[in-house]
Protein backbone atom coordinates (compact mmCIF):
# COMPACT_ATOMS: atom_id res chain seq x y z
CA MET A 1 -15.43 62.07 101.70
CA SER A 2 -18.36 64.17 103.45
CA HIS A 3 -16.74 63.21 106.78
CA ASN A 4 -13.39 64.12 105.62
CA ASN A 5 -14.46 67.55 104.55
CA LEU A 6 -16.55 68.29 107.61
CA GLY A 7 -13.60 67.47 109.82
CA LEU A 8 -11.48 70.21 107.66
CA ALA A 9 -14.08 72.69 108.42
CA GLN A 10 -14.21 71.74 112.21
CA ARG A 11 -10.40 71.58 112.18
CA TRP A 12 -10.11 75.59 110.81
CA LEU A 13 -12.83 76.58 113.13
CA GLY A 14 -11.45 75.10 116.06
CA GLU A 15 -7.97 76.39 115.05
CA VAL A 16 -9.60 79.92 114.56
CA THR A 17 -11.49 80.08 117.75
CA ASP A 18 -9.11 78.25 120.16
CA ASP A 19 -11.74 75.59 120.91
CA LEU A 20 -10.75 72.09 121.70
CA ARG A 21 -14.13 70.64 121.31
CA ILE A 22 -14.39 71.50 118.02
CA LEU A 23 -11.00 69.91 117.29
CA ASP A 24 -12.21 66.90 118.95
CA ALA A 25 -15.07 67.23 116.75
CA ALA A 26 -12.95 67.16 113.72
CA ARG A 27 -11.01 64.18 115.11
CA ASN A 28 -14.50 62.33 115.23
CA SER A 29 -15.18 63.18 111.60
CA TYR A 30 -11.67 61.88 110.44
CA ALA A 31 -12.17 58.67 112.34
CA ALA A 32 -15.58 58.13 110.61
CA CYS A 33 -13.75 57.75 107.24
CA GLU A 34 -11.36 54.93 108.76
CA GLY A 35 -14.29 52.35 108.57
CA VAL A 36 -13.80 53.05 104.68
CA LYS A 37 -11.16 50.85 103.08
CA LEU A 38 -9.33 53.72 101.72
CA LYS A 39 -5.69 52.28 101.82
CA ARG A 40 -6.80 49.72 99.40
CA GLU A 41 -9.68 51.25 97.53
CA ALA A 42 -8.31 54.97 97.30
CA PRO A 43 -4.83 55.23 98.52
CA PHE A 44 -4.34 58.96 97.76
CA SER A 45 -7.42 59.85 99.92
CA TRP A 46 -6.06 57.51 102.63
CA ALA A 47 -2.76 59.33 102.59
CA VAL A 48 -4.29 62.87 102.50
CA LEU A 49 -6.35 61.35 105.27
CA GLN A 50 -3.48 60.83 107.26
CA TRP A 51 -1.80 64.23 106.87
CA ASN A 52 -5.38 65.57 108.04
CA PHE A 53 -4.87 63.50 110.93
CA ALA A 54 -1.39 64.65 111.59
CA ASP A 55 -2.22 68.35 110.99
CA LEU A 56 -5.21 68.04 113.53
CA ALA A 57 -2.99 66.35 116.32
CA LEU A 58 -0.54 69.25 115.89
CA ALA A 59 -3.52 71.86 116.31
CA ARG A 60 -4.72 70.00 119.12
CA TYR A 61 -1.13 69.85 120.65
CA ARG A 62 -1.20 73.72 120.71
CA LEU A 63 -4.17 73.84 122.79
CA GLU A 64 -3.58 70.69 124.74
CA PRO A 65 0.12 70.34 124.90
CA LYS A 66 0.18 66.63 125.33
CA SER A 67 3.12 64.50 123.75
CA THR A 68 0.67 61.86 122.50
CA HIS A 69 -0.68 64.30 120.22
CA LEU A 70 2.82 64.98 118.80
CA VAL A 71 3.49 61.29 118.55
CA GLU A 72 0.04 61.07 116.55
CA ALA A 73 1.15 63.51 114.23
CA ARG A 74 4.62 62.08 113.53
CA ASP A 75 2.90 58.72 112.78
CA CYS A 76 0.55 59.84 110.58
CA VAL A 77 2.46 62.17 108.75
CA THR A 78 5.11 59.80 108.01
CA LYS A 79 2.54 57.44 106.86
CA ALA A 80 1.38 59.97 104.48
CA ARG A 81 4.71 60.66 103.40
CA ASP A 82 5.99 57.23 102.71
CA PHE A 83 2.64 57.05 100.20
CA PHE A 84 3.42 60.59 98.54
CA VAL A 85 7.02 60.14 98.17
CA GLU A 86 6.94 58.27 94.80
CA GLY A 87 4.70 60.76 92.67
CA SER A 88 4.06 63.89 94.45
CA ASP A 89 6.65 66.37 95.30
CA TYR A 90 3.92 68.77 96.37
CA GLN A 91 2.62 66.52 98.92
CA THR A 92 5.86 65.50 100.06
CA GLN A 93 6.99 68.98 100.77
CA ARG A 94 3.90 69.38 102.82
CA CYS A 95 4.58 66.37 104.80
CA ASP A 96 8.13 67.74 105.49
CA ASP A 97 6.69 71.08 106.36
CA LEU A 98 4.55 69.41 108.96
CA LEU A 99 7.36 67.20 110.40
CA ALA A 100 9.30 70.74 110.31
CA LYS A 101 6.71 71.95 112.84
CA ILE A 102 6.36 68.66 114.74
CA ASP A 103 10.32 68.85 115.38
CA ALA A 104 9.86 72.49 116.40
CA ALA A 105 7.09 71.72 119.09
CA GLU A 106 9.19 68.87 120.64
CA ALA A 107 12.09 71.04 120.97
CA ALA A 108 10.01 73.87 122.54
């Protein structure tokens, strides 16, 4: 969870400073969480991590408009939403809000 929290801090710092290097560091911090068997051992934390990956990919797209960022964002948020849809209206709504932002970026 320390890597996830570091990734969150780096994500917001990268967004505020428009620094793609910091956003890339956030991606690496989140990626460090993938080695842990979160999906099986802590599924809620895994779903939050997927949402974080999606949110980060959208932030990276703003600075580096590559379609691969939007593909990653949609893939990750869809995984998160599939988990949250059964039991968390708040988290499901957050996923829907992020999907709307992805849709808007694709339409632009």
